Amino acid sequence: MKLNSKYNQAINLTFLVLGLSACKKFVTIDPPITQLVVQTVFADNASATSALTAIYSQMNYESYYMSLNTGLLSDELKNYAGGAQNLLYTNAMLSSASPSTWISAYKFIYAANAILEGLKKNTGVSPVIQQQLNGESKFIRAFWHFYLINCYGDVPIVISTDYAVNDVITRKAKAQVYQQIIADLNDALNLLNSNYVDASDTTITIDRVRPTKWAAAALLARAYLYTGAYDRAEIQATSIIKNSGMYRLCSDLDSVFLANSTESIWQLGIPLPSTLNTPDGYYYTLIGAPRSVSISSQLLSSFEPKDNRKANWIDSFTVDSISYYFPYKYKVRNSSAVIENVMVLRLAEQYLIRAEAKSYQNDLVGAADDLNVIRNRAGLPNTTATTQSDLLMAILHERQVELFTEWGHRWFDLIRMGNIDIVMGGNTGVCQAKGGSWISNGHQTLYPIPQSELGKNPNLIQNAGY
């Protein structure tokens, strides 16, 4: 189908925002060009929607990079490459070779802000469409601020496209950033459709590639859990598990990561035409001796006997009688047909969030029940944990074998649950086993801010230790 000029202009706005925010100071953009494009893009529903959904097409590879970087830092992956990748693996990151999360995240946040401001200044978009696009934009903004604080700690809160402000913006405390995240997600919860919608923003579709109110609830449950608001985390998780009527765990583990699986709350679709479905499936699948990564011995040995996740979600490739194991959640390495989508939020995490939230609230029976739902799906018996401390350790373990190589869960869990030094440090710690040296002062738990960004904004202060 030939793209019309307004659609092209909508896409161009998104690329303009994403591109210029990388090459200008911090997250800036040339106002005259932006204003010219925005006036046209937000003249009607279709072009405004296209500008918003084009953001998602730029996010696909972030799943792989997040899981790769944090998997190397933690105990999930074994490294075979040099350079910056080996610095991650040995927990010796440098500001001159920092992961690109900072730059990518602020591009997406800036693009979301451009959509929000464009909708506010133009009257060509109908109120119902405006509501949906506002909700999605606030969701995107919250999503990337969440990953920024969990990678970098205190970060700037960017809620406008005002280049004069953004050029000299300062870092804010994590608690303050979480307030913004939670406010945005609550707004998104009230603005977004309960059903998945297509490009019309109103017609219901089976494709789960745009956020709904349930996606906002899922991320809100996680944000509440991370901030210790356990009662609120439980409420949001329950709203999805019990009240949505849209989600159920896949009994077949091989079906979990299929496009539009019943477990998926939000996925990212690969822009077509494409010869691959997901970057994760393409880059993790081994077809020879590994050049980048394989599954670590620590992760491989963490599975209990008869855990079906090990059989279904890990595969191996043998070279010269040596078996190399790799993540096999995504089965499709190459295909022009859409079989799998990048999973972002799924139901299993919500059970584990609710189990942890109940544990902290001393509902130990309820916590065990939720934990057992995930264990039983994997073919395992009920947990033997009965005390709060034992249940929390059991939940941490279950998250390790359920959510491995998905958006950094393992790394963030070790940090937030206070187990990072136990796992990574000491004479028998993972860091030393990887050829590195662990310092128990907290600095290795955070990414360094890229040196290039510090040079653009005099008010940014580097994380300690870099």
Protein backbone atom coordinates (compact mmCIF):
# COMPACT_ATOMS: atom_id res chain seq x y z
CA MET A 1 0.00 0.00 0.00
CA LYS A 2 1.36 3.43 -0.90
CA LEU A 3 1.77 5.68 2.12
CA ASN A 4 0.03 9.03 1.93
CA SER A 5 1.87 12.26 2.58
CA LYS A 6 0.32 12.89 5.99
CA TYR A 7 1.33 9.43 7.16
CA ASN A 8 4.86 10.08 5.95
CA GLN A 9 4.90 13.39 7.79
CA ALA A 10 3.74 11.65 10.96
CA ILE A 11 6.51 9.11 10.71
CA ASN A 12 8.96 11.88 9.90
CA LEU A 13 8.01 13.74 13.08
CA THR A 14 8.88 10.70 15.15
CA PHE A 15 12.17 10.14 13.37
CA LEU A 16 12.90 13.87 13.62
CA VAL A 17 12.34 13.81 17.36
CA LEU A 18 14.31 10.60 17.87
CA GLY A 19 17.14 11.63 15.59
CA LEU A 20 17.71 15.21 16.61
CA SER A 21 17.52 14.47 20.30
CA ALA A 22 20.58 12.27 19.86
CA CYS A 23 22.76 14.75 18.00
CA LYS A 24 21.80 18.00 19.74
CA LYS A 25 22.39 18.92 23.37
CA PHE A 26 20.91 16.34 25.75
CA VAL A 27 17.31 16.06 24.50
CA THR A 28 16.82 19.08 22.28
CA ILE A 29 15.22 19.76 18.93
CA ASP A 30 15.13 22.63 16.47
CA PRO A 31 11.88 24.48 17.29
CA PRO A 32 11.05 25.94 13.85
CA ILE A 33 11.23 22.54 12.09
CA THR A 34 9.27 20.88 14.88
CA GLN A 35 6.49 23.46 14.80
CA LEU A 36 6.16 23.19 11.03
CA VAL A 37 5.83 19.41 11.10
CA VAL A 38 3.61 19.30 14.20
CA GLN A 39 1.03 21.61 12.63
CA THR A 40 0.60 19.12 9.78
CA VAL A 41 0.94 15.88 11.73
CA PHE A 42 -1.74 16.70 14.27
CA ALA A 43 -4.19 17.93 11.68
CA ASP A 44 -6.09 14.62 11.72
CA ASN A 45 -6.55 11.37 13.65
CA ALA A 46 -4.64 9.05 11.32
CA SER A 47 -1.44 11.04 11.07
CA ALA A 48 -1.34 11.73 14.82
CA THR A 49 -1.78 8.02 15.52
CA SER A 50 0.96 7.15 13.06
CA ALA A 51 3.36 9.51 14.82
CA LEU A 52 2.65 7.78 18.13
CA THR A 53 2.84 4.19 16.94
CA ALA A 54 6.08 4.88 15.05
CA ILE A 55 7.73 5.21 18.47
CA TYR A 56 7.08 1.53 19.14
CA SER A 57 8.82 0.50 15.94
CA GLN A 58 11.99 2.10 17.34
CA MET A 59 11.75 0.22 20.64
CA ASN A 60 12.02 -3.40 19.43
CA TYR A 61 15.74 -3.82 19.91
CA GLU A 62 15.66 -2.34 23.42
CA SER A 63 14.35 -5.65 24.81
CA TYR A 64 17.43 -7.49 23.57
CA TYR A 65 19.92 -4.84 24.63
CA MET A 66 18.40 -4.52 28.11
CA SER A 67 18.47 -8.27 28.68
CA LEU A 68 21.96 -8.58 27.17
CA ASN A 69 23.53 -5.80 29.24
CA THR A 70 21.94 -6.77 32.55
CA GLY A 71 22.42 -10.48 31.83
CA LEU A 72 26.15 -9.86 31.43
CA LEU A 73 26.28 -7.75 34.57
CA SER A 74 24.43 -10.37 36.64
CA ASP A 75 24.56 -14.17 36.63
CA GLU A 76 22.49 -14.96 33.54
CA LEU A 77 24.92 -14.90 30.60
CA LYS A 78 28.45 -15.99 29.78
CA ASN A 79 30.46 -13.66 27.59
CA TYR A 80 32.58 -14.50 24.53
CA ALA A 81 33.17 -11.00 23.17
CA GLY A 82 35.67 -8.29 24.03
CA GLY A 83 35.49 -4.55 24.32
CA ALA A 84 32.58 -2.88 26.08
CA GLN A 85 30.73 -6.19 26.34
CA ASN A 86 33.54 -7.70 28.40
CA LEU A 87 33.57 -4.62 30.62
CA LEU A 88 29.91 -5.33 31.39
CA TYR A 89 30.68 -8.98 32.04
CA THR A 90 33.45 -8.21 34.53
CA ASN A 91 31.38 -5.45 36.16
CA ALA A 92 33.95 -2.86 35.13
CA MET A 93 31.84 -0.40 33.12
CA LEU A 94 33.37 2.87 31.91
CA SER A 95 31.60 6.15 31.20
CA SER A 96 33.32 6.18 27.80
CA ALA A 97 31.77 2.78 26.97
CA SER A 98 28.44 3.00 28.79
CA PRO A 99 25.32 1.18 27.55
CA SER A 100 23.14 3.32 25.30
CA THR A 101 20.07 3.12 27.54
CA TRP A 102 20.36 6.76 28.65
CA ILE A 103 20.35 8.12 25.11
CA SER A 104 17.66 5.75 23.82
CA ALA A 105 15.32 6.25 26.77
CA TYR A 106 15.42 10.03 26.57
CA LYS A 107 14.75 9.88 22.83
CA PHE A 108 11.55 7.94 23.50
CA ILE A 109 10.57 10.23 26.38
CA TYR A 110 11.14 13.27 24.21
CA ALA A 111 9.05 11.77 21.42
CA ALA A 112 6.21 11.08 23.87
CA ASN A 113 6.40 14.67 25.12
CA ALA A 114 6.26 15.93 21.54
CA ILE A 115 3.05 13.94 20.99
CA LEU A 116 1.50 15.28 24.21
CA GLU A 117 2.34 18.87 23.30
CA GLY A 118 1.28 18.46 19.70
CA LEU A 119 -2.12 17.15 20.74
CA LYS A 120 -2.58 20.05 23.13
CA LYS A 121 -1.83 22.68 20.49
CA ASN A 122 -3.91 21.28 17.61
CA THR A 123 -7.63 20.73 17.19
CA GLY A 124 -7.65 18.34 14.24
CA VAL A 125 -7.62 15.21 16.41
CA SER A 126 -10.96 14.08 17.83
CA PRO A 127 -11.38 13.96 21.65
CA VAL A 128 -11.64 10.17 21.84
CA ILE A 129 -8.46 9.72 19.78
CA GLN A 130 -6.71 12.42 21.79
CA GLN A 131 -7.54 10.52 24.96
CA GLN A 132 -6.01 7.28 23.67
CA LEU A 133 -2.87 8.96 22.34
CA ASN A 134 -2.40 10.99 25.51
CA GLY A 135 -2.67 7.78 27.53
CA GLU A 136 -0.12 5.95 25.40
CA SER A 137 2.29 8.89 25.48
CA LYS A 138 2.17 9.08 29.27
CA PHE A 139 2.65 5.33 29.45
CA ILE A 140 5.75 5.53 27.23
CA ARG A 141 7.15 8.37 29.32
CA ALA A 142 6.61 6.41 32.55
CA PHE A 143 8.02 3.21 31.05
CA TRP A 144 11.35 4.78 30.12
CA HIS A 145 11.71 6.82 33.29
CA PHE A 146 11.28 3.51 35.14
CA TYR A 147 14.17 1.91 33.27
CA LEU A 148 16.32 4.99 33.63
CA ILE A 149 16.14 5.05 37.44
CA ASN A 150 16.74 1.32 37.70
CA CYS A 151 19.81 1.58 35.49
CA TYR A 152 21.22 4.94 36.62
CA GLY A 153 19.64 5.84 39.97
CA ASP A 154 18.74 9.53 40.22
CA VAL A 155 17.92 10.93 36.77
CA PRO A 156 16.42 14.05 35.19
CA ILE A 157 12.64 14.10 34.87
CA VAL A 158 11.89 15.25 31.32
CA ILE A 159 8.25 16.22 30.80
CA SER A 160 8.52 18.82 28.03
CA THR A 161 10.29 19.56 24.75
CA ASP A 162 11.60 22.90 25.99
CA TYR A 163 15.21 22.75 24.85
CA ALA A 164 16.20 25.70 27.04
CA VAL A 165 15.13 23.69 30.11
CA ASN A 166 16.36 20.30 28.98
CA ASP A 167 19.84 21.53 28.08
CA VAL A 168 20.60 22.35 31.72
CA ILE A 169 18.30 19.93 33.53
CA THR A 170 19.49 18.30 36.78
CA ARG A 171 19.09 14.84 38.22
CA LYS A 172 16.19 14.21 40.61
CA ALA A 173 16.03 11.74 43.49
CA LYS A 174 14.64 8.31 42.64
CA ALA A 175 11.68 8.86 44.96
CA GLN A 176 10.73 12.00 43.06
CA VAL A 177 11.08 10.23 39.71
CA TYR A 178 8.87 7.42 40.95
CA GLN A 179 6.24 10.00 41.88
CA GLN A 180 6.24 11.18 38.27
CA ILE A 181 6.14 7.61 36.97
CA ILE A 182 3.20 6.69 39.18
CA ALA A 183 1.34 9.90 38.31
CA ASP A 184 1.80 9.24 34.58
CA LEU A 185 0.68 5.63 34.93
CA ASN A 186 -2.41 6.58 36.91
CA ASP A 187 -3.28 9.07 34.18
CA ALA A 188 -2.69 6.40 31.54
CA LEU A 189 -4.85 3.96 33.49
CA ASN A 190 -7.77 6.38 33.25
CA LEU A 191 -7.15 7.41 29.64
CA LEU A 192 -6.37 4.15 27.86
CA ASN A 193 -8.82 1.75 26.30
CA SER A 194 -9.55 -1.50 28.15
CA ASN A 195 -9.34 -3.35 24.83
CA TYR A 196 -6.58 -3.52 22.25
CA VAL A 197 -7.25 -1.14 19.39
CA ASP A 198 -5.96 -0.92 15.83
CA ALA A 199 -4.75 2.11 13.92
CA SER A 200 -8.21 3.67 14.12
CA ASP A 201 -7.79 3.91 17.92
CA THR A 202 -11.37 2.71 18.38
CA THR A 203 -11.74 -0.63 16.58
CA ILE A 204 -10.92 -3.62 18.79
CA THR A 205 -8.20 -5.93 17.49
CA ILE A 206 -6.54 -9.19 18.57
CA ASP A 207 -3.07 -7.64 18.15
CA ARG A 208 -1.59 -6.83 21.55
CA VAL A 209 1.00 -4.37 20.31
CA ARG A 210 -0.39 -1.17 21.81
CA PRO A 211 -0.71 -0.51 25.54
CA THR A 212 -4.13 -0.77 27.21
CA LYS A 213 -5.22 0.25 30.69
CA TRP A 214 -4.07 -3.22 31.78
CA ALA A 215 -0.54 -2.50 30.59
CA ALA A 216 -0.62 0.66 32.68
CA ALA A 217 -1.89 -1.38 35.64
CA ALA A 218 0.88 -3.97 35.13
CA LEU A 219 3.66 -1.38 35.14
CA LEU A 220 1.97 0.42 38.03
CA ALA A 221 1.96 -2.83 40.04
CA ARG A 222 5.70 -3.15 39.41
CA ALA A 223 6.37 0.49 40.35
CA TYR A 224 4.40 0.09 43.59
CA LEU A 225 6.29 -3.11 44.40
CA TYR A 226 9.66 -1.45 43.81
CA THR A 227 8.70 1.47 46.06
CA GLY A 228 7.32 -0.67 48.88
CA ALA A 229 3.65 0.23 48.39
CA TYR A 230 2.72 -3.43 48.68
CA ASP A 231 -1.01 -3.00 49.22
CA ARG A 232 -1.26 -0.95 46.03
CA ALA A 233 0.93 -3.40 44.11
CA GLU A 234 -1.42 -6.19 45.12
CA ILE A 235 -4.49 -4.22 44.05
CA GLN A 236 -3.09 -3.50 40.59
CA ALA A 237 -1.89 -7.07 40.03
CA THR A 238 -5.27 -8.41 41.15
CA SER A 239 -7.07 -6.10 38.74
CA ILE A 240 -5.26 -7.85 35.89
CA ILE A 241 -5.34 -11.41 37.22
CA LYS A 242 -8.95 -11.38 38.39
CA ASN A 243 -10.83 -8.41 36.96
CA SER A 244 -9.62 -7.90 33.40
CA GLY A 245 -11.09 -11.13 32.00
CA MET A 246 -8.51 -10.94 29.20
CA TYR A 247 -5.50 -12.90 30.38
CA ARG A 248 -4.61 -16.45 31.34
CA LEU A 249 -1.35 -18.33 31.69
CA CYS A 250 -0.42 -20.50 28.72
CA SER A 251 -0.42 -24.14 29.79
CA ASP A 252 1.98 -24.82 26.92
CA LEU A 253 5.25 -23.05 27.69
CA ASP A 254 6.12 -22.96 23.99
CA SER A 255 3.08 -20.72 23.41
CA VAL A 256 3.95 -17.99 25.90
CA PHE A 257 5.96 -15.80 23.54
CA LEU A 258 3.82 -16.24 20.46
CA ALA A 259 2.25 -13.12 18.99
CA ASN A 260 -0.92 -12.27 20.92
CA SER A 261 -0.59 -15.15 23.39
CA THR A 262 -3.18 -15.20 26.17
CA GLU A 263 -0.41 -14.38 28.66
CA SER A 264 0.81 -11.25 26.91
CA ILE A 265 -0.30 -7.92 28.36
CA TRP A 266 1.81 -5.88 25.97
CA GLN A 267 4.11 -6.86 23.12
CA LEU A 268 6.13 -5.01 20.49
CA GLY A 269 5.65 -6.03 16.88
CA ILE A 270 8.47 -6.00 14.35
CA PRO A 271 7.86 -3.43 11.57
CA LEU A 272 7.19 -5.24 8.31
CA PRO A 273 8.62 -6.21 5.92
CA SER A 274 11.24 -8.01 7.99
CA THR A 275 13.15 -11.27 7.84
CA LEU A 276 13.07 -11.75 11.62
CA ASN A 277 10.38 -11.72 14.30
CA THR A 278 12.32 -10.61 17.36
CA PRO A 279 15.90 -9.45 17.95
CA ASP A 280 15.97 -11.78 20.97
CA GLY A 281 15.15 -14.81 18.86
CA TYR A 282 17.68 -13.88 16.19
CA TYR A 283 20.65 -12.92 18.36
CA TYR A 284 20.33 -15.41 21.23
CA THR A 285 19.77 -18.50 19.08
CA LEU A 286 23.07 -20.28 18.46
CA ILE A 287 23.86 -21.80 15.07
CA GLY A 288 27.53 -22.33 15.89
CA ALA A 289 30.01 -21.70 18.67
CA PRO A 290 28.95 -18.51 20.49
CA ARG A 291 30.58 -15.25 19.44
CA SER A 292 28.59 -13.12 21.86
CA VAL A 293 26.91 -14.92 24.79
CA SER A 294 25.49 -18.19 26.06
CA ILE A 295 23.54 -19.14 29.17
CA SER A 296 25.74 -19.03 32.27
CA SER A 297 26.45 -22.06 34.41
CA GLN A 298 24.88 -20.18 37.35
CA LEU A 299 21.54 -19.83 35.58
CA LEU A 300 21.66 -23.33 34.12
CA SER A 301 22.20 -24.90 37.54
CA SER A 302 19.46 -22.82 39.21
CA PHE A 303 16.61 -24.85 37.72
CA GLU A 304 15.08 -27.54 39.90
CA PRO A 305 14.83 -31.10 38.54
CA LYS A 306 11.82 -31.55 36.24
CA ASP A 307 11.36 -27.79 35.75
CA ASN A 308 9.79 -27.66 32.29
CA ARG A 309 11.11 -24.15 31.73
CA LYS A 310 14.61 -25.54 31.43
CA ALA A 311 13.43 -28.02 28.81
CA ASN A 312 11.26 -25.53 26.89
CA TRP A 313 13.05 -22.20 27.29
CA ILE A 314 16.70 -23.26 27.04
CA ASP A 315 18.29 -25.06 24.10
CA SER A 316 21.85 -26.00 23.16
CA PHE A 317 24.18 -26.20 20.20
CA THR A 318 27.07 -28.65 20.26
CA VAL A 319 30.44 -27.89 18.69
CA ASP A 320 33.38 -30.30 19.01
CA SER A 321 31.54 -32.22 21.73
CA ILE A 322 30.98 -29.04 23.76
CA SER A 323 27.35 -28.02 24.35
CA TYR A 324 26.61 -24.30 24.54
CA TYR A 325 23.25 -23.35 26.03
CA PHE A 326 21.20 -20.36 24.95
CA PRO A 327 17.87 -18.67 25.79
CA TYR A 328 15.12 -20.28 23.73
CA LYS A 329 12.00 -18.45 24.84
CA TYR A 330 11.76 -17.11 21.30
CA LYS A 331 11.89 -20.02 18.85
CA VAL A 332 11.93 -18.07 15.58
CA ARG A 333 15.30 -16.91 14.32
CA ASN A 334 14.28 -15.94 10.79
CA SER A 335 10.81 -15.59 9.33
CA SER A 336 8.94 -13.07 7.23
CA ALA A 337 5.68 -14.28 8.81
CA VAL A 338 4.70 -12.87 12.19
CA ILE A 339 4.92 -15.78 14.63
CA GLU A 340 6.37 -14.13 17.73
CA ASN A 341 6.42 -10.59 19.10
CA VAL A 342 8.75 -9.02 21.64
CA MET A 343 7.19 -9.61 25.06
CA VAL A 344 7.23 -6.56 27.33
CA LEU A 345 4.63 -7.26 30.02
CA ARG A 346 3.06 -10.63 30.79
CA LEU A 347 0.72 -12.24 33.29
CA ALA A 348 3.27 -14.49 35.04
CA GLU A 349 5.07 -11.44 36.39
CA GLN A 350 1.83 -10.19 37.91
CA TYR A 351 1.42 -13.40 39.91
CA LEU A 352 4.97 -13.02 41.18
CA ILE A 353 4.42 -9.35 41.99
CA ARG A 354 1.30 -10.23 43.94
CA ALA A 355 3.05 -13.10 45.74
CA GLU A 356 5.83 -10.77 46.86
CA ALA A 357 3.41 -8.03 47.86
CA LYS A 358 1.37 -10.49 49.92
CA SER A 359 4.55 -11.80 51.59
CA TYR A 360 5.50 -8.33 52.78
CA GLN A 361 1.96 -7.90 54.11
CA ASN A 362 2.20 -11.24 55.98
CA ASP A 363 -0.44 -12.95 53.85
CA LEU A 364 1.84 -15.95 53.63
CA VAL A 365 -0.80 -18.44 52.50
CA GLY A 366 -1.89 -16.11 49.70
CA ALA A 367 1.72 -15.51 48.69
CA ALA A 368 2.37 -19.26 48.50
CA ASP A 369 -0.79 -19.76 46.45
CA ASP A 370 0.31 -17.23 43.84
CA LEU A 371 3.83 -18.64 43.79
CA ASN A 372 2.44 -22.12 43.28
CA VAL A 373 0.43 -21.04 40.25
CA ILE A 374 3.72 -20.29 38.47
CA ARG A 375 5.51 -23.36 39.85
CA ASN A 376 2.70 -25.73 38.92
CA ARG A 377 2.57 -24.34 35.37
CA ALA A 378 6.26 -25.26 35.10
CA GLY A 379 5.56 -28.82 36.28
CA LEU A 380 6.89 -28.30 39.81
CA PRO A 381 5.26 -29.14 43.16
CA ASN A 382 4.05 -26.53 45.61
CA THR A 383 6.64 -24.50 47.49
CA THR A 384 7.81 -25.71 50.86
CA ALA A 385 8.43 -22.16 52.07
CA THR A 386 6.16 -21.07 54.93
CA THR A 387 7.92 -18.14 56.65
CA GLN A 388 8.12 -14.64 55.21
CA SER A 389 11.88 -14.77 54.71
CA ASP A 390 11.74 -18.19 53.07
CA LEU A 391 8.89 -17.13 50.81
CA LEU A 392 10.76 -14.02 49.69
CA MET A 393 13.80 -16.12 48.83
CA ALA A 394 11.56 -18.60 46.99
CA ILE A 395 9.97 -15.76 45.02
CA LEU A 396 13.39 -14.34 44.11
CA HIS A 397 14.38 -17.79 42.85
CA GLU A 398 11.13 -18.19 40.93
CA ARG A 399 11.62 -14.83 39.27
CA GLN A 400 15.13 -15.93 38.28
CA VAL A 401 13.95 -19.03 36.40
CA GLU A 402 10.71 -17.52 35.08
CA LEU A 403 11.84 -14.09 33.89
CA PHE A 404 15.45 -14.72 32.82
CA THR A 405 16.70 -12.61 29.90
CA GLU A 406 13.54 -10.48 29.94
CA TRP A 407 14.09 -6.74 30.30
CA GLY A 408 16.64 -6.91 33.13
CA HIS A 409 14.45 -8.45 35.83
CA ARG A 410 17.22 -10.51 37.43
CA TRP A 411 19.67 -7.61 37.81
CA PHE A 412 17.02 -5.27 39.18
CA ASP A 413 15.70 -7.95 41.56
CA LEU A 414 19.13 -8.61 43.06
CA ILE A 415 19.60 -4.89 43.69
CA ARG A 416 16.17 -4.01 45.07
CA MET A 417 15.88 -7.14 47.27
CA GLY A 418 19.32 -6.61 48.80
CA ASN A 419 20.96 -9.77 47.46
CA ILE A 420 23.39 -8.21 45.03
CA ASP A 421 26.50 -8.39 47.25
CA ILE A 422 25.72 -11.94 48.34
CA VAL A 423 25.43 -13.16 44.75
CA MET A 424 28.12 -11.05 43.11
CA GLY A 425 30.72 -10.52 45.85
CA GLY A 426 33.09 -12.55 48.00
CA ASN A 427 35.61 -15.20 47.07
CA THR A 428 32.92 -17.42 45.57
CA GLY A 429 30.81 -14.63 44.07
CA VAL A 430 29.68 -14.49 40.47
CA CYS A 431 31.77 -11.40 39.68
CA GLN A 432 35.04 -13.10 40.61
CA ALA A 433 34.00 -16.21 38.68
CA LYS A 434 33.61 -13.96 35.63
CA GLY A 435 37.12 -12.55 36.05
CA GLY A 436 36.09 -9.30 37.69
CA SER A 437 36.27 -7.71 41.11
CA TRP A 438 33.20 -6.73 43.12
CA ILE A 439 33.25 -3.70 45.40
CA SER A 440 30.44 -3.56 47.95
CA ASN A 441 29.90 0.19 47.81
CA GLY A 442 26.95 0.23 45.42
CA HIS A 443 28.55 1.97 42.46
CA GLN A 444 28.68 -1.18 40.32
CA THR A 445 24.91 -1.54 40.61
CA LEU A 446 24.44 1.59 38.48
CA TYR A 447 25.35 2.34 34.89
CA PRO A 448 27.67 5.29 34.35
CA ILE A 449 26.12 8.24 32.57
CA PRO A 450 27.68 8.34 29.08
CA GLN A 451 30.60 10.74 28.99
CA SER A 452 29.19 12.31 25.83
CA GLU A 453 26.06 13.38 27.72
CA LEU A 454 28.03 14.90 30.59
CA GLY A 455 29.81 17.09 28.06
CA LYS A 456 26.51 18.44 26.73
CA ASN A 457 24.93 19.37 30.06
CA PRO A 458 27.10 21.04 32.72
CA ASN A 459 24.51 20.32 35.42
CA LEU A 460 24.71 16.51 35.09
CA ILE A 461 26.80 14.81 37.76
CA GLN A 462 28.34 11.39 37.13
CA ASN A 463 27.51 8.40 39.34
CA ALA A 464 30.06 7.80 42.07
CA GLY A 465 32.92 5.49 41.17
CA TYR A 466 33.10 6.39 37.48
